Amino acid sequence: MTERVLFVERDYVIVLKREGTKDLWRLMFLIYGFGEGIEVWLRPDEVKELIEALKEVKDGSLEGGDQRD
């Protein structure tokens, strides 16, 4: 199992997790106090795209909304 916490805030946590040999990853938005959250299944290429987008946001180069090609 591979798991990485991407973001922790006072009210929620965002986790990216892969279990076993599956090609799919789970992106989980877990809200504290509710016992459940939102899960999105991603393929490896979608995980790479998500990581690139997060890097762009962190660097401040992704501004003004959706800028996909």
Protein backbone atom coordinates (compact mmCIF):
# COMPACT_ATOMS: atom_id res chain seq x y z
CA MET A 1 0.00 0.00 0.00
CA THR A 2 1.26 3.45 -0.90
CA GLU A 3 -0.24 6.46 0.85
CA ARG A 4 0.67 10.13 0.84
CA VAL A 5 -1.01 12.95 2.71
CA LEU A 6 -1.16 15.88 0.28
CA PHE A 7 -2.77 18.55 2.42
CA VAL A 8 -3.85 18.91 6.04
CA GLU A 9 -6.16 21.69 7.19
CA ARG A 10 -7.98 22.24 10.47
CA ASP A 11 -11.24 20.73 9.15
CA TYR A 12 -10.09 18.24 6.51
CA VAL A 13 -7.24 16.19 5.04
CA ILE A 14 -6.52 15.19 1.43
CA VAL A 15 -4.89 11.79 0.93
CA LEU A 16 -3.67 9.98 -2.19
CA LYS A 17 -3.59 6.21 -1.71
CA ARG A 18 -2.80 3.10 -3.77
CA GLU A 19 -3.43 -0.38 -2.44
CA GLY A 20 -1.81 -3.59 -3.64
CA THR A 21 -1.00 -3.96 -7.31
CA LYS A 22 -4.03 -2.06 -8.62
CA ASP A 23 -3.42 0.57 -11.27
CA LEU A 24 -5.99 2.87 -9.70
CA TRP A 25 -5.32 5.42 -6.98
CA ARG A 26 -7.83 6.83 -4.49
CA LEU A 27 -7.87 10.57 -3.92
CA MET A 28 -9.69 11.10 -0.64
CA PHE A 29 -11.06 14.30 0.86
CA LEU A 30 -11.71 13.39 4.50
CA ILE A 31 -13.68 15.81 6.65
CA TYR A 32 -12.94 15.61 10.38
CA GLY A 33 -15.93 14.80 12.59
CA PHE A 34 -18.08 13.27 9.84
CA GLY A 35 -16.46 9.84 9.62
CA GLU A 36 -16.60 9.85 5.84
CA GLY A 37 -15.59 11.98 2.92
CA ILE A 38 -15.32 12.06 -0.85
CA GLU A 39 -13.33 9.47 -2.80
CA VAL A 40 -12.28 9.79 -6.42
CA TRP A 41 -10.58 6.95 -8.32
CA LEU A 42 -7.73 8.07 -10.61
CA ARG A 43 -5.62 6.32 -13.24
CA PRO A 44 -1.81 6.77 -13.05
CA ASP A 45 -1.86 9.34 -15.89
CA GLU A 46 -4.51 11.34 -14.02
CA VAL A 47 -2.37 11.24 -10.87
CA LYS A 48 0.56 12.70 -12.84
CA GLU A 49 -1.70 15.44 -14.22
CA LEU A 50 -2.97 16.22 -10.71
CA ILE A 51 0.58 16.46 -9.34
CA GLU A 52 1.64 18.79 -12.17
CA ALA A 53 -1.40 21.01 -11.54
CA LEU A 54 -0.63 21.14 -7.81
CA LYS A 55 2.96 22.16 -8.58
CA GLU A 56 1.70 24.94 -10.87
CA VAL A 57 -0.68 26.20 -8.19
CA LYS A 58 2.11 26.09 -5.60
CA ASP A 59 4.41 28.08 -7.89
CA GLY A 60 1.64 30.58 -8.67
CA SER A 61 1.76 29.89 -12.41
CA LEU A 62 -1.83 28.62 -12.62
CA GLU A 63 -4.06 31.65 -12.16
CA GLY A 64 -7.39 32.72 -13.55
CA GLY A 65 -9.21 29.38 -13.50
CA ASP A 66 -9.06 26.45 -15.89
CA GLN A 67 -6.16 26.74 -18.33
CA ARG A 68 -6.12 23.29 -19.91
CA ASP A 69 -5.06 22.90 -23.53
